[in-house]
Amino acid sequence: MKRRLAARPELIEKIIPQFTVCCRRLTPGPGYLEALCTENTTLQTTPIARFTPTGHRA
């Protein structure tokens, strides 16, 4: 995961879980991590209050 997030190192702490060994982790689907590294994508880490026709409000 770290290699695939190398273009956006600030995401590493936010995306890679801190679960102990042998815990079930969510597996990102094909292209998910690569999509997070594109210029037109931002990671939303605060709760979403509502969705609007053009996006969402936190």
PDB file of N, CA and C in Angstrom:
ATOM      1  N   MET A   1       0.818  -1.191   0.000  1.00  0.00           N
ATOM      2  CA  MET A   1       0.000   0.000   0.000  1.00  0.00           C
ATOM      3  C   MET A   1       0.865   1.260   0.000  1.00  0.00           C
ATOM      4  N   LYS A   2       1.949   1.232   0.770  1.00  0.00           N
ATOM      5  CA  LYS A   2       2.817   2.412   0.826  1.00  0.00           C
ATOM      6  C   LYS A   2       3.374   2.745  -0.553  1.00  0.00           C
ATOM      7  N   ARG A   3       3.726   1.715  -1.303  1.00  0.00           N
ATOM      8  CA  ARG A   3       4.273   1.944  -2.647  1.00  0.00           C
ATOM      9  C   ARG A   3       3.216   2.576  -3.545  1.00  0.00           C
ATOM     10  N   ARG A   4       1.979   2.123  -3.433  1.00  0.00           N
ATOM     11  CA  ARG A   4       0.919   2.642  -4.293  1.00  0.00           C
ATOM     12  C   ARG A   4       0.461   4.036  -3.878  1.00  0.00           C
ATOM     13  N   LEU A   5       0.753   4.428  -2.643  1.00  0.00           N
ATOM     14  CA  LEU A   5       0.404   5.771  -2.157  1.00  0.00           C
ATOM     15  C   LEU A   5       1.605   6.711  -2.150  1.00  0.00           C
ATOM     16  N   ALA A   6       2.711   6.311  -2.741  1.00  0.00           N
ATOM     17  CA  ALA A   6       3.947   7.102  -2.706  1.00  0.00           C
ATOM     18  C   ALA A   6       3.766   8.511  -3.258  1.00  0.00           C
ATOM     19  N   ALA A   7       2.872   8.700  -4.218  1.00  0.00           N
ATOM     20  CA  ALA A   7       2.648  10.026  -4.796  1.00  0.00           C
ATOM     21  C   ALA A   7       1.959  10.971  -3.810  1.00  0.00           C
ATOM     22  N   ARG A   8       1.290  10.419  -2.802  1.00  0.00           N
ATOM     23  CA  ARG A   8       0.585  11.223  -1.791  1.00  0.00           C
ATOM     24  C   ARG A   8       0.913  10.687  -0.397  1.00  0.00           C
ATOM     25  N   PRO A   9       2.140  10.877   0.078  1.00  0.00           N
ATOM     26  CA  PRO A   9       2.554  10.288   1.357  1.00  0.00           C
ATOM     27  C   PRO A   9       1.707  10.722   2.554  1.00  0.00           C
ATOM     28  N   GLU A  10       1.041  11.866   2.458  1.00  0.00           N
ATOM     29  CA  GLU A  10       0.191  12.314   3.569  1.00  0.00           C
ATOM     30  C   GLU A  10      -1.006  11.390   3.777  1.00  0.00           C
ATOM     31  N   LEU A  11      -1.342  10.570   2.781  1.00  0.00           N
ATOM     32  CA  LEU A  11      -2.472   9.648   2.903  1.00  0.00           C
ATOM     33  C   LEU A  11      -2.104   8.353   3.620  1.00  0.00           C
ATOM     34  N   ILE A  12      -0.828   8.051   3.711  1.00  0.00           N
ATOM     35  CA  ILE A  12      -0.408   6.761   4.264  1.00  0.00           C
ATOM     36  C   ILE A  12      -0.966   6.552   5.671  1.00  0.00           C
ATOM     37  N   GLU A  13      -0.812   7.524   6.566  1.00  0.00           N
ATOM     38  CA  GLU A  13      -1.327   7.383   7.933  1.00  0.00           C
ATOM     39  C   GLU A  13      -2.847   7.320   7.966  1.00  0.00           C
ATOM     40  N   LYS A  14      -3.506   7.984   7.033  1.00  0.00           N
ATOM     41  CA  LYS A  14      -4.964   8.028   7.023  1.00  0.00           C
ATOM     42  C   LYS A  14      -5.587   6.772   6.426  1.00  0.00           C
ATOM     43  N   ILE A  15      -4.892   6.098   5.521  1.00  0.00           N
ATOM     44  CA  ILE A  15      -5.458   4.969   4.787  1.00  0.00           C
ATOM     45  C   ILE A  15      -5.050   3.616   5.355  1.00  0.00           C
ATOM     46  N   ILE A  16      -3.780   3.460   5.732  1.00  0.00           N
ATOM     47  CA  ILE A  16      -3.295   2.159   6.189  1.00  0.00           C
ATOM     48  C   ILE A  16      -3.765   1.931   7.622  1.00  0.00           C
ATOM     49  N   PRO A  17      -4.535   0.860   7.867  1.00  0.00           N
ATOM     50  CA  PRO A  17      -5.074   0.613   9.208  1.00  0.00           C
ATOM     51  C   PRO A  17      -3.985   0.229  10.203  1.00  0.00           C
ATOM     52  N   GLN A  18      -4.251   0.467  11.473  1.00  0.00           N
ATOM     53  CA  GLN A  18      -3.320   0.138  12.550  1.00  0.00           C
ATOM     54  C   GLN A  18      -3.762  -1.117  13.305  1.00  0.00           C
ATOM     55  N   PHE A  19      -4.559  -1.980  12.656  1.00  0.00           N
ATOM     56  CA  PHE A  19      -5.044  -3.198  13.299  1.00  0.00           C
ATOM     57  C   PHE A  19      -3.887  -4.135  13.596  1.00  0.00           C
ATOM     58  N   THR A  20      -4.066  -4.989  14.582  1.00  0.00           N
ATOM     59  CA  THR A  20      -3.044  -5.975  14.902  1.00  0.00           C
ATOM     60  C   THR A  20      -3.010  -7.069  13.842  1.00  0.00           C
ATOM     61  N   VAL A  21      -1.960  -7.857  13.869  1.00  0.00           N
ATOM     62  CA  VAL A  21      -1.807  -8.963  12.926  1.00  0.00           C
ATOM     63  C   VAL A  21      -2.967  -9.945  13.097  1.00  0.00           C
ATOM     64  N   CYS A  22      -3.419 -10.517  12.014  1.00  0.00           N
ATOM     65  CA  CYS A  22      -4.509 -11.512  11.954  1.00  0.00           C
ATOM     66  C   CYS A  22      -5.902 -10.897  12.034  1.00  0.00           C
ATOM     67  N   CYS A  23      -6.026  -9.583  12.126  1.00  0.00           N
ATOM     68  CA  CYS A  23      -7.338  -8.946  12.074  1.00  0.00           C
ATOM     69  C   CYS A  23      -7.765  -8.835  10.617  1.00  0.00           C
ATOM     70  N   ARG A  24      -9.045  -8.923  10.367  1.00  0.00           N
ATOM     71  CA  ARG A  24      -9.567  -8.782   9.015  1.00  0.00           C
ATOM     72  C   ARG A  24      -9.520  -7.317   8.635  1.00  0.00           C
ATOM     73  N   ARG A  25      -8.877  -7.035   7.512  1.00  0.00           N
ATOM     74  CA  ARG A  25      -8.771  -5.666   7.012  1.00  0.00           C
ATOM     75  C   ARG A  25      -9.554  -5.536   5.722  1.00  0.00           C
ATOM     76  N   LEU A  26     -10.113  -4.376   5.486  1.00  0.00           N
ATOM     77  CA  LEU A  26     -10.761  -4.117   4.207  1.00  0.00           C
ATOM     78  C   LEU A  26      -9.701  -4.104   3.122  1.00  0.00           C
ATOM     79  N   THR A  27      -9.993  -4.724   2.014  1.00  0.00           N
ATOM     80  CA  THR A  27      -9.055  -4.776   0.906  1.00  0.00           C
ATOM     81  C   THR A  27      -9.511  -3.796  -0.163  1.00  0.00           C
ATOM     82  N   PRO A  28      -8.717  -2.769  -0.461  1.00  0.00           N
ATOM     83  CA  PRO A  28      -9.103  -1.826  -1.516  1.00  0.00           C
ATOM     84  C   PRO A  28      -9.218  -2.538  -2.861  1.00  0.00           C
ATOM     85  N   GLY A  29     -10.254  -2.225  -3.602  1.00  0.00           N
ATOM     86  CA  GLY A  29     -10.445  -2.813  -4.921  1.00  0.00           C
ATOM     87  C   GLY A  29      -9.428  -2.295  -5.918  1.00  0.00           C
ATOM     88  N   PRO A  30      -9.392  -2.926  -7.086  1.00  0.00           N
ATOM     89  CA  PRO A  30      -8.440  -2.510  -8.126  1.00  0.00           C
ATOM     90  C   PRO A  30      -8.629  -1.034  -8.491  1.00  0.00           C
ATOM     91  N   GLY A  31      -7.556  -0.277  -8.469  1.00  0.00           N
ATOM     92  CA  GLY A  31      -7.597   1.125  -8.859  1.00  0.00           C
ATOM     93  C   GLY A  31      -7.969   2.100  -7.758  1.00  0.00           C
ATOM     94  N   TYR A  32      -8.392   1.602  -6.593  1.00  0.00           N
ATOM     95  CA  TYR A  32      -8.832   2.484  -5.507  1.00  0.00           C
ATOM     96  C   TYR A  32      -7.704   3.389  -5.012  1.00  0.00           C
ATOM     97  N   LEU A  33      -6.569   2.805  -4.655  1.00  0.00           N
ATOM     98  CA  LEU A  33      -5.450   3.605  -4.144  1.00  0.00           C
ATOM     99  C   LEU A  33      -4.894   4.523  -5.216  1.00  0.00           C
ATOM    100  N   GLU A  34      -4.855   4.048  -6.444  1.00  0.00           N
ATOM    101  CA  GLU A  34      -4.377   4.877  -7.550  1.00  0.00           C
ATOM    102  C   GLU A  34      -5.302   6.078  -7.761  1.00  0.00           C
ATOM    103  N   ALA A  35      -6.609   5.869  -7.599  1.00  0.00           N
ATOM    104  CA  ALA A  35      -7.568   6.969  -7.748  1.00  0.00           C
ATOM    105  C   ALA A  35      -7.350   8.036  -6.674  1.00  0.00           C
ATOM    106  N   LEU A  36      -6.992   7.624  -5.466  1.00  0.00           N
ATOM    107  CA  LEU A  36      -6.727   8.592  -4.396  1.00  0.00           C
ATOM    108  C   LEU A  36      -5.514   9.462  -4.685  1.00  0.00           C
ATOM    109  N   CYS A  37      -4.634   8.995  -5.546  1.00  0.00           N
ATOM    110  CA  CYS A  37      -3.403   9.730  -5.861  1.00  0.00           C
ATOM    111  C   CYS A  37      -3.559  10.691  -7.031  1.00  0.00           C
ATOM    112  N   THR A  38      -4.735  10.758  -7.632  1.00  0.00           N
ATOM    113  CA  THR A  38      -4.929  11.670  -8.756  1.00  0.00           C
ATOM    114  C   THR A  38      -5.177  13.090  -8.251  1.00  0.00           C
ATOM    115  N   GLU A  39      -4.924  14.074  -9.104  1.00  0.00           N
ATOM    116  CA  GLU A  39      -5.063  15.486  -8.721  1.00  0.00           C
ATOM    117  C   GLU A  39      -6.504  15.901  -8.450  1.00  0.00           C
ATOM    118  N   ASN A  40      -7.464  15.225  -9.084  1.00  0.00           N
ATOM    119  CA  ASN A  40      -8.862  15.636  -8.936  1.00  0.00           C
ATOM    120  C   ASN A  40      -9.588  14.881  -7.819  1.00  0.00           C
ATOM    121  N   THR A  41      -8.839  14.248  -6.914  1.00  0.00           N
ATOM    122  CA  THR A  41      -9.434  13.480  -5.826  1.00  0.00           C
ATOM    123  C   THR A  41      -8.940  14.002  -4.488  1.00  0.00           C
ATOM    124  N   THR A  42      -9.868  14.125  -3.533  1.00  0.00           N
ATOM    125  CA  THR A  42      -9.490  14.469  -2.165  1.00  0.00           C
ATOM    126  C   THR A  42     -10.087  13.429  -1.229  1.00  0.00           C
ATOM    127  N   LEU A  43      -9.402  13.155  -0.143  1.00  0.00           N
ATOM    128  CA  LEU A  43      -9.882  12.202   0.848  1.00  0.00           C
ATOM    129  C   LEU A  43     -10.699  12.951   1.886  1.00  0.00           C
ATOM    130  N   GLN A  44     -11.950  12.576   2.048  1.00  0.00           N
ATOM    131  CA  GLN A  44     -12.839  13.201   3.022  1.00  0.00           C
ATOM    132  C   GLN A  44     -12.746  12.414   4.317  1.00  0.00           C
ATOM    133  N   THR A  45     -12.223  13.014   5.387  1.00  0.00           N
ATOM    134  CA  THR A  45     -12.074  12.310   6.663  1.00  0.00           C
ATOM    135  C   THR A  45     -13.024  12.816   7.740  1.00  0.00           C
ATOM    136  N   THR A  46     -13.758  13.878   7.458  1.00  0.00           N
ATOM    137  CA  THR A  46     -14.743  14.381   8.413  1.00  0.00           C
ATOM    138  C   THR A  46     -16.117  13.850   8.021  1.00  0.00           C
ATOM    139  N   PRO A  47     -17.050  13.782   8.962  1.00  0.00           N
ATOM    140  CA  PRO A  47     -18.381  13.275   8.631  1.00  0.00           C
ATOM    141  C   PRO A  47     -19.060  14.129   7.556  1.00  0.00           C
ATOM    142  N   ILE A  48     -19.813  13.485   6.691  1.00  0.00           N
ATOM    143  CA  ILE A  48     -20.558  14.181   5.641  1.00  0.00           C
ATOM    144  C   ILE A  48     -21.938  14.515   6.189  1.00  0.00           C
ATOM    145  N   ALA A  49     -22.295  15.791   6.180  1.00  0.00           N
ATOM    146  CA  ALA A  49     -23.580  16.237   6.714  1.00  0.00           C
ATOM    147  C   ALA A  49     -24.713  15.972   5.731  1.00  0.00           C
ATOM    148  N   ARG A  50     -24.462  16.265   4.444  1.00  0.00           N
ATOM    149  CA  ARG A  50     -25.504  16.049   3.430  1.00  0.00           C
ATOM    150  C   ARG A  50     -24.881  16.081   2.048  1.00  0.00           C
ATOM    151  N   PHE A  51     -25.599  15.506   1.110  1.00  0.00           N
ATOM    152  CA  PHE A  51     -25.178  15.530  -0.284  1.00  0.00           C
ATOM    153  C   PHE A  51     -25.959  16.607  -1.023  1.00  0.00           C
ATOM    154  N   THR A  52     -25.304  17.263  -1.968  1.00  0.00           N
ATOM    155  CA  THR A  52     -25.928  18.301  -2.779  1.00  0.00           C
ATOM    156  C   THR A  52     -25.846  17.874  -4.240  1.00  0.00           C
ATOM    157  N   PRO A  53     -26.531  18.570  -5.144  1.00  0.00           N
ATOM    158  CA  PRO A  53     -26.442  18.205  -6.567  1.00  0.00           C
ATOM    159  C   PRO A  53     -25.019  18.289  -7.128  1.00  0.00           C
ATOM    160  N   THR A  54     -24.156  19.094  -6.501  1.00  0.00           N
ATOM    161  CA  THR A  54     -22.796  19.250  -7.025  1.00  0.00           C
ATOM    162  C   THR A  54     -21.722  18.614  -6.143  1.00  0.00           C
ATOM    163  N   GLY A  55     -22.111  17.951  -5.072  1.00  0.00           N
ATOM    164  CA  GLY A  55     -21.114  17.335  -4.195  1.00  0.00           C
ATOM    165  C   GLY A  55     -21.679  17.037  -2.819  1.00  0.00           C
ATOM    166  N   HIS A  56     -20.990  17.472  -1.776  1.00  0.00           N
ATOM    167  CA  HIS A  56     -21.439  17.233  -0.412  1.00  0.00           C
ATOM    168  C   HIS A  56     -21.004  18.375   0.505  1.00  0.00           C
ATOM    169  N   ARG A  57     -21.613  18.397   1.683  1.00  0.00           N
ATOM    170  CA  ARG A  57     -21.271  19.389   2.711  1.00  0.00           C
ATOM    171  C   ARG A  57     -20.824  18.642   3.959  1.00  0.00           C
ATOM    172  N   ALA A  58     -19.705  19.077   4.508  1.00  0.00           N
ATOM    173  CA  ALA A  58     -19.190  18.446   5.733  1.00  0.00           C
ATOM    174  C   ALA A  58     -19.775  19.118   6.955  1.00  0.00           C
TER     175      ALA A  58
END
